[in-house]
């Protein structure tokens, strides 16, 4: 009876479960890869922000150190002139 209906063939030999499980597994793996990629990008972004912050702090410390050095040099020059 199943073979007499056009377009359906023998329905008893068709099993769609392995293919659908395989497709679901593939989709889950793709989603997991996307999540891992997003997490990696977020971590890299945070690390870059931390690095930028650290570089900016070091630049400010360098500027402050140079200003302190200049002020001490001026005081030393004033004392030498007396």
N, C-alpha and C. Protein backbone atom coordinates (compact mmCIF):
# COMPACT_ATOMS: atom_id res chain seq x y z
N UNK A 1 0.82 -1.19 0.00
CA UNK A 1 0.00 0.00 0.00
C UNK A 1 0.86 1.25 0.00
N UNK A 2 1.93 1.25 0.81
CA UNK A 2 2.80 2.41 0.86
C UNK A 2 3.51 2.64 -0.45
N UNK A 3 3.83 1.56 -1.19
CA UNK A 3 4.55 1.72 -2.44
C UNK A 3 3.64 2.16 -3.57
N UNK A 4 2.33 2.06 -3.38
CA UNK A 4 1.41 2.45 -4.44
C UNK A 4 1.14 3.95 -4.43
N UNK A 5 1.48 4.64 -3.34
CA UNK A 5 1.27 6.09 -3.26
C UNK A 5 2.45 6.78 -3.94
N UNK A 6 2.14 7.68 -4.87
CA UNK A 6 3.20 8.35 -5.62
C UNK A 6 4.02 9.27 -4.71
N UNK A 7 5.37 9.24 -4.87
CA UNK A 7 6.24 10.15 -4.15
C UNK A 7 6.68 9.67 -2.78
N UNK A 8 6.06 8.62 -2.26
CA UNK A 8 6.41 8.19 -0.92
C UNK A 8 7.30 6.96 -0.90
N UNK A 9 7.20 6.07 -1.84
CA UNK A 9 8.01 4.86 -1.86
C UNK A 9 7.70 3.98 -0.68
N UNK A 10 8.62 3.14 -0.30
CA UNK A 10 8.42 2.22 0.82
C UNK A 10 8.83 2.92 2.11
N UNK A 11 7.86 3.33 2.92
CA UNK A 11 8.12 4.09 4.14
C UNK A 11 8.74 3.23 5.24
N UNK A 12 8.62 1.93 5.16
CA UNK A 12 9.14 1.08 6.23
C UNK A 12 10.66 0.99 6.22
N UNK A 13 11.31 1.27 5.09
CA UNK A 13 12.77 1.17 5.03
C UNK A 13 13.44 2.51 5.29
N UNK A 14 12.70 3.60 5.35
CA UNK A 14 13.30 4.92 5.58
C UNK A 14 13.44 5.18 7.07
N UNK A 15 14.64 5.53 7.47
CA UNK A 15 14.87 5.93 8.87
C UNK A 15 15.51 7.31 8.85
N UNK A 16 14.80 8.27 9.37
CA UNK A 16 15.30 9.65 9.38
C UNK A 16 15.99 9.99 10.69
N UNK A 17 15.90 9.12 11.68
CA UNK A 17 16.47 9.41 12.99
C UNK A 17 17.98 9.60 12.96
N UNK A 18 18.76 8.70 12.37
CA UNK A 18 20.21 8.92 12.37
C UNK A 18 20.61 10.21 11.67
N UNK A 19 19.95 10.52 10.57
CA UNK A 19 20.28 11.75 9.85
C UNK A 19 19.91 12.97 10.70
N UNK A 20 18.74 12.94 11.33
CA UNK A 20 18.33 14.10 12.12
C UNK A 20 19.22 14.24 13.36
N UNK A 21 19.63 13.13 13.96
CA UNK A 21 20.54 13.19 15.10
C UNK A 21 21.88 13.76 14.65
N UNK A 22 22.32 13.32 13.48
CA UNK A 22 23.58 13.81 12.93
C UNK A 22 23.50 15.31 12.64
N UNK A 23 22.37 15.72 12.09
CA UNK A 23 22.18 17.15 11.80
C UNK A 23 22.14 17.97 13.08
N UNK A 24 21.43 17.46 14.09
CA UNK A 24 21.35 18.16 15.38
C UNK A 24 22.74 18.25 16.00
N UNK A 25 23.47 17.15 15.95
CA UNK A 25 24.82 17.13 16.51
C UNK A 25 25.72 18.14 15.80
N UNK A 26 25.59 18.19 14.48
CA UNK A 26 26.38 19.15 13.70
C UNK A 26 26.03 20.58 14.09
N UNK A 27 24.74 20.85 14.23
CA UNK A 27 24.31 22.20 14.61
C UNK A 27 24.79 22.56 16.02
N UNK A 28 24.72 21.60 16.94
CA UNK A 28 25.18 21.85 18.31
C UNK A 28 26.68 22.14 18.31
N UNK A 29 27.43 21.37 17.52
CA UNK A 29 28.88 21.58 17.44
C UNK A 29 29.19 22.95 16.85
N UNK A 30 28.42 23.35 15.84
CA UNK A 30 28.62 24.68 15.25
C UNK A 30 28.32 25.76 16.28
N UNK A 31 27.24 25.57 17.03
CA UNK A 31 26.87 26.54 18.06
C UNK A 31 27.94 26.60 19.14
N UNK A 32 28.47 25.43 19.54
CA UNK A 32 29.53 25.40 20.55
C UNK A 32 30.77 26.12 20.05
N UNK A 33 31.12 25.92 18.77
CA UNK A 33 32.27 26.61 18.21
C UNK A 33 32.05 28.11 18.21
N UNK A 34 30.83 28.53 17.91
CA UNK A 34 30.51 29.96 17.93
C UNK A 34 30.63 30.52 19.34
N UNK A 35 30.17 29.77 20.33
CA UNK A 35 30.26 30.21 21.72
C UNK A 35 31.72 30.32 22.14
N UNK A 36 32.50 29.31 21.81
CA UNK A 36 33.93 29.32 22.17
C UNK A 36 34.63 30.49 21.48
N UNK A 37 34.30 30.73 20.22
CA UNK A 37 34.89 31.85 19.50
C UNK A 37 34.52 33.17 20.16
N UNK A 38 33.25 33.33 20.52
CA UNK A 38 32.81 34.55 21.19
C UNK A 38 33.52 34.73 22.52
N UNK A 39 33.63 33.65 23.30
CA UNK A 39 34.32 33.73 24.59
C UNK A 39 35.79 34.12 24.39
N UNK A 40 36.42 33.52 23.39
CA UNK A 40 37.82 33.83 23.11
C UNK A 40 37.97 35.30 22.71
N UNK A 41 37.06 35.77 21.87
CA UNK A 41 37.12 37.18 21.45
C UNK A 41 36.91 38.11 22.65
N UNK A 42 36.00 37.76 23.54
CA UNK A 42 35.76 38.58 24.73
C UNK A 42 36.99 38.61 25.62
N UNK A 43 37.64 37.47 25.80
CA UNK A 43 38.85 37.40 26.63
C UNK A 43 39.97 38.23 26.00
N UNK A 44 40.14 38.09 24.69
CA UNK A 44 41.18 38.87 24.00
C UNK A 44 40.89 40.36 24.13
N UNK A 45 39.64 40.73 23.98
CA UNK A 45 39.26 42.14 24.10
C UNK A 45 39.57 42.67 25.50
N UNK A 46 39.22 41.89 26.52
CA UNK A 46 39.51 42.32 27.90
C UNK A 46 41.02 42.42 28.13
N UNK A 47 41.75 41.45 27.62
CA UNK A 47 43.21 41.49 27.78
C UNK A 47 43.81 42.69 27.08
N UNK A 48 43.29 43.03 25.91
CA UNK A 48 43.79 44.20 25.18
C UNK A 48 43.48 45.48 25.96
N UNK A 49 42.28 45.55 26.55
CA UNK A 49 41.93 46.72 27.37
C UNK A 49 42.86 46.82 28.58
N UNK A 50 43.11 45.68 29.22
CA UNK A 50 44.02 45.67 30.37
C UNK A 50 45.42 46.10 29.96
N UNK A 51 45.88 45.61 28.81
CA UNK A 51 47.20 45.98 28.32
C UNK A 51 47.26 47.47 28.01
N UNK A 52 46.22 47.99 27.38
CA UNK A 52 46.17 49.42 27.07
C UNK A 52 46.18 50.24 28.35
N UNK A 53 45.41 49.81 29.33
CA UNK A 53 45.38 50.51 30.61
C UNK A 53 46.75 50.48 31.27
N UNK A 54 47.40 49.34 31.24
CA UNK A 54 48.72 49.21 31.85
C UNK A 54 49.74 50.11 31.15
N UNK A 55 49.68 50.14 29.82
CA UNK A 55 50.59 51.00 29.05
C UNK A 55 50.35 52.46 29.40
N UNK A 56 49.08 52.86 29.48
CA UNK A 56 48.76 54.25 29.83
C UNK A 56 49.26 54.61 31.23
N UNK A 57 49.13 53.69 32.18
CA UNK A 57 49.62 53.93 33.54
C UNK A 57 51.14 54.10 33.52
N UNK A 58 51.83 53.24 32.77
CA UNK A 58 53.29 53.35 32.70
C UNK A 58 53.72 54.65 32.03
N UNK A 59 52.98 55.08 31.02
CA UNK A 59 53.29 56.37 30.37
C UNK A 59 53.14 57.53 31.35
N UNK A 60 52.06 57.48 32.14
CA UNK A 60 51.85 58.54 33.14
C UNK A 60 52.95 58.53 34.19
N UNK A 61 53.35 57.32 34.62
CA UNK A 61 54.44 57.23 35.60
C UNK A 61 55.73 57.78 35.02
N UNK A 62 55.97 57.52 33.74
CA UNK A 62 57.17 58.03 33.08
C UNK A 62 57.14 59.56 33.02
N UNK A 63 56.00 60.12 32.66
CA UNK A 63 55.87 61.58 32.59
C UNK A 63 56.07 62.19 33.97
N UNK A 64 55.45 61.58 34.99
CA UNK A 64 55.60 62.09 36.35
C UNK A 64 57.06 62.00 36.78
N UNK A 65 57.72 60.90 36.47
CA UNK A 65 59.13 60.74 36.81
C UNK A 65 60.00 61.78 36.11
N UNK A 66 59.70 62.06 34.85
CA UNK A 66 60.46 63.08 34.12
C UNK A 66 60.23 64.46 34.70
N UNK A 67 58.99 64.73 35.12
CA UNK A 67 58.69 66.03 35.75
C UNK A 67 59.43 66.16 37.08
N UNK A 68 59.42 65.09 37.88
CA UNK A 68 60.13 65.11 39.15
C UNK A 68 61.63 65.33 38.93
N UNK A 69 62.17 64.65 37.93
CA UNK A 69 63.59 64.79 37.61
C UNK A 69 63.91 66.23 37.21
N UNK A 70 63.04 66.83 36.39
CA UNK A 70 63.25 68.21 35.96
C UNK A 70 63.19 69.18 37.14
N UNK A 71 62.23 68.94 38.05
CA UNK A 71 62.12 69.81 39.23
C UNK A 71 63.35 69.67 40.12
N UNK A 72 63.82 68.45 40.32
CA UNK A 72 65.02 68.24 41.14
C UNK A 72 66.25 68.87 40.49
N UNK A 73 66.31 68.79 39.17
CA UNK A 73 67.43 69.40 38.45
C UNK A 73 67.41 70.91 38.61
N UNK A 74 66.20 71.51 38.55
CA UNK A 74 66.08 72.97 38.75
C UNK A 74 66.52 73.35 40.15
N UNK A 75 66.10 72.59 41.17
CA UNK A 75 66.50 72.88 42.54
C UNK A 75 68.01 72.76 42.70
N UNK A 76 68.59 71.75 42.08
CA UNK A 76 70.04 71.56 42.15
C UNK A 76 70.77 72.73 41.47
N UNK A 77 70.25 73.17 40.32
CA UNK A 77 70.85 74.30 39.63
C UNK A 77 70.76 75.57 40.46
N UNK A 78 69.64 75.79 41.17
CA UNK A 78 69.47 76.97 42.02
C UNK A 78 70.47 76.93 43.16
N UNK A 79 70.67 75.76 43.75
CA UNK A 79 71.60 75.65 44.87
C UNK A 79 73.03 75.87 44.41
N UNK A 80 73.35 75.44 43.20
CA UNK A 80 74.71 75.65 42.68
C UNK A 80 74.96 77.12 42.43
N UNK A 81 73.92 77.89 42.04
CA UNK A 81 74.08 79.31 41.76
C UNK A 81 74.27 80.14 43.02
N UNK A 82 73.87 79.63 44.17
CA UNK A 82 74.07 80.39 45.41
C UNK A 82 75.45 80.28 45.84
